[in-house]
Amino acid sequence: MSKLKRKIEKSQKRKKTKEAQEKVSEKLGMFDRIPDACLTCEKSFDKKDKEDVKSFRVVVRESENKVNLYCDACWGNAINIIQEISKKDAKSS
């Protein structure tokens, strides 16, 4: 019985690995769609600069087949706005 159990576990592991590889491939396929500037403030983005790569945020919208890029400042502003709206909604409820 343990032989069958190992076989099933190995099969499930292979399936999960294959699914993960497919997801990574899909994401990398959209790498060439990354814009050259922030969507909001149009701050330039250099794909080869480590600081830019670390500080910019990439949002992938698979359903729209679109990639959005935001600098750290614009991302922080958006998060603050969302938090303020959430607080106002919580107070009004």
C-alpha atoms as a PDB file:
ATOM      1  CA  MET A   1       0.000   0.000   0.000  1.00  0.00           C
ATOM      2  CA  SER A   2       2.842   2.414   0.752  1.00  0.00           C
ATOM      3  CA  LYS A   3       4.150   1.954  -2.786  1.00  0.00           C
ATOM      4  CA  LEU A   4       0.835   3.163  -4.204  1.00  0.00           C
ATOM      5  CA  LYS A   5       0.801   6.088  -1.788  1.00  0.00           C
ATOM      6  CA  ARG A   6       4.299   7.180  -2.899  1.00  0.00           C
ATOM      7  CA  LYS A   7       3.256   6.873  -6.529  1.00  0.00           C
ATOM      8  CA  ILE A   8       0.217   9.115  -5.965  1.00  0.00           C
ATOM      9  CA  GLU A   9       2.249  11.682  -4.011  1.00  0.00           C
ATOM     10  CA  LYS A  10       4.911  11.767  -6.726  1.00  0.00           C
ATOM     11  CA  SER A  11       2.255  12.246  -9.399  1.00  0.00           C
ATOM     12  CA  GLN A  12       0.671  15.116  -7.460  1.00  0.00           C
ATOM     13  CA  LYS A  13       4.074  16.732  -6.939  1.00  0.00           C
ATOM     14  CA  ARG A  14       4.822  16.564 -10.672  1.00  0.00           C
ATOM     15  CA  LYS A  15       1.448  18.109 -11.464  1.00  0.00           C
ATOM     16  CA  LYS A  16       2.015  21.008  -9.024  1.00  0.00           C
ATOM     17  CA  THR A  17       5.509  21.602 -10.395  1.00  0.00           C
ATOM     18  CA  LYS A  18       4.217  21.671 -13.965  1.00  0.00           C
ATOM     19  CA  GLU A  19       1.448  24.132 -13.039  1.00  0.00           C
ATOM     20  CA  ALA A  20       3.950  26.396 -11.269  1.00  0.00           C
ATOM     21  CA  GLN A  21       6.272  26.348 -14.285  1.00  0.00           C
ATOM     22  CA  GLU A  22       3.383  27.270 -16.582  1.00  0.00           C
ATOM     23  CA  LYS A  23       2.443  30.231 -14.366  1.00  0.00           C
ATOM     24  CA  VAL A  24       6.032  31.494 -14.361  1.00  0.00           C
ATOM     25  CA  SER A  25       6.194  31.139 -18.139  1.00  0.00           C
ATOM     26  CA  GLU A  26       3.010  33.192 -18.520  1.00  0.00           C
ATOM     27  CA  LYS A  27       4.407  35.947 -16.276  1.00  0.00           C
ATOM     28  CA  LEU A  28       7.736  36.020 -18.110  1.00  0.00           C
ATOM     29  CA  GLY A  29       5.872  36.155 -21.409  1.00  0.00           C
ATOM     30  CA  MET A  30       4.479  39.516 -20.300  1.00  0.00           C
ATOM     31  CA  PHE A  31       7.916  40.853 -19.299  1.00  0.00           C
ATOM     32  CA  ASP A  32       8.339  42.559 -22.649  1.00  0.00           C
ATOM     33  CA  ARG A  33       5.121  44.499 -22.002  1.00  0.00           C
ATOM     34  CA  ILE A  34       6.564  46.387 -19.011  1.00  0.00           C
ATOM     35  CA  PRO A  35       6.378  50.113 -19.794  1.00  0.00           C
ATOM     36  CA  ASP A  36       9.389  52.446 -19.700  1.00  0.00           C
ATOM     37  CA  ALA A  37       7.798  54.892 -17.242  1.00  0.00           C
ATOM     38  CA  CYS A  38       5.438  55.128 -14.269  1.00  0.00           C
ATOM     39  CA  LEU A  39       1.815  55.031 -15.375  1.00  0.00           C
ATOM     40  CA  THR A  40       0.882  57.955 -13.114  1.00  0.00           C
ATOM     41  CA  CYS A  41       3.780  60.435 -13.050  1.00  0.00           C
ATOM     42  CA  GLU A  42       5.750  59.158 -16.062  1.00  0.00           C
ATOM     43  CA  LYS A  43       8.994  58.826 -14.082  1.00  0.00           C
ATOM     44  CA  SER A  44      11.396  56.887 -16.296  1.00  0.00           C
ATOM     45  CA  PHE A  45      12.113  53.209 -15.540  1.00  0.00           C
ATOM     46  CA  ASP A  46      15.356  51.458 -16.451  1.00  0.00           C
ATOM     47  CA  LYS A  47      15.022  47.664 -16.483  1.00  0.00           C
ATOM     48  CA  LYS A  48      18.774  47.297 -16.014  1.00  0.00           C
ATOM     49  CA  ASP A  49      19.019  49.571 -12.942  1.00  0.00           C
ATOM     50  CA  LYS A  50      18.787  47.574  -9.694  1.00  0.00           C
ATOM     51  CA  GLU A  51      17.346  50.488  -7.719  1.00  0.00           C
ATOM     52  CA  ASP A  52      14.565  51.012 -10.262  1.00  0.00           C
ATOM     53  CA  VAL A  53      13.771  47.308 -10.309  1.00  0.00           C
ATOM     54  CA  LYS A  54      13.574  47.243  -6.503  1.00  0.00           C
ATOM     55  CA  SER A  55      11.540  50.428  -6.086  1.00  0.00           C
ATOM     56  CA  PHE A  56       8.978  50.250  -8.904  1.00  0.00           C
ATOM     57  CA  ARG A  57       5.807  48.136  -8.589  1.00  0.00           C
ATOM     58  CA  VAL A  58       4.537  46.002 -11.434  1.00  0.00           C
ATOM     59  CA  VAL A  59       0.837  45.148 -11.639  1.00  0.00           C
ATOM     60  CA  VAL A  60      -0.109  42.438 -14.124  1.00  0.00           C
ATOM     61  CA  ARG A  61      -3.709  42.313 -15.312  1.00  0.00           C
ATOM     62  CA  GLU A  62      -3.889  38.975 -17.063  1.00  0.00           C
ATOM     63  CA  SER A  63      -7.560  39.314 -17.963  1.00  0.00           C
ATOM     64  CA  GLU A  64      -6.778  42.527 -19.864  1.00  0.00           C
ATOM     65  CA  ASN A  65      -3.376  41.264 -21.033  1.00  0.00           C
ATOM     66  CA  LYS A  66      -1.863  44.462 -19.627  1.00  0.00           C
ATOM     67  CA  VAL A  67       1.106  45.389 -17.422  1.00  0.00           C
ATOM     68  CA  ASN A  68       1.082  48.582 -15.334  1.00  0.00           C
ATOM     69  CA  LEU A  69       4.151  50.129 -13.724  1.00  0.00           C
ATOM     70  CA  TYR A  70       4.161  52.470 -10.701  1.00  0.00           C
ATOM     71  CA  CYS A  71       7.038  54.274  -8.985  1.00  0.00           C
ATOM     72  CA  ASP A  72       7.367  53.961  -5.217  1.00  0.00           C
ATOM     73  CA  ALA A  73       5.929  57.439  -4.547  1.00  0.00           C
ATOM     74  CA  CYS A  74       2.819  56.889  -6.683  1.00  0.00           C
ATOM     75  CA  TRP A  75       2.312  53.437  -5.164  1.00  0.00           C
ATOM     76  CA  GLY A  76       2.476  54.909  -1.658  1.00  0.00           C
ATOM     77  CA  ASN A  77      -0.011  57.638  -2.578  1.00  0.00           C
ATOM     78  CA  ALA A  78      -2.434  55.061  -3.972  1.00  0.00           C
ATOM     79  CA  ILE A  79      -2.195  52.942  -0.807  1.00  0.00           C
ATOM     80  CA  ASN A  80      -2.873  56.020   1.365  1.00  0.00           C
ATOM     81  CA  ILE A  81      -5.928  56.964  -0.699  1.00  0.00           C
ATOM     82  CA  ILE A  82      -7.309  53.420  -0.444  1.00  0.00           C
ATOM     83  CA  GLN A  83      -6.789  53.425   3.346  1.00  0.00           C
ATOM     84  CA  GLU A  84      -8.576  56.773   3.689  1.00  0.00           C
ATOM     85  CA  ILE A  85     -11.523  55.531   1.660  1.00  0.00           C
ATOM     86  CA  SER A  86     -11.672  52.352   3.747  1.00  0.00           C
ATOM     87  CA  LYS A  87     -11.711  54.384   6.973  1.00  0.00           C
ATOM     88  CA  LYS A  88     -14.525  56.616   5.666  1.00  0.00           C
ATOM     89  CA  ASP A  89     -16.544  53.559   4.632  1.00  0.00           C
ATOM     90  CA  ALA A  90     -16.005  51.950   8.037  1.00  0.00           C
ATOM     91  CA  LYS A  91     -17.167  55.100   9.830  1.00  0.00           C
ATOM     92  CA  SER A  92     -20.299  55.442   7.722  1.00  0.00           C
ATOM     93  CA  SER A  93     -21.334  51.822   8.327  1.00  0.00           C
END
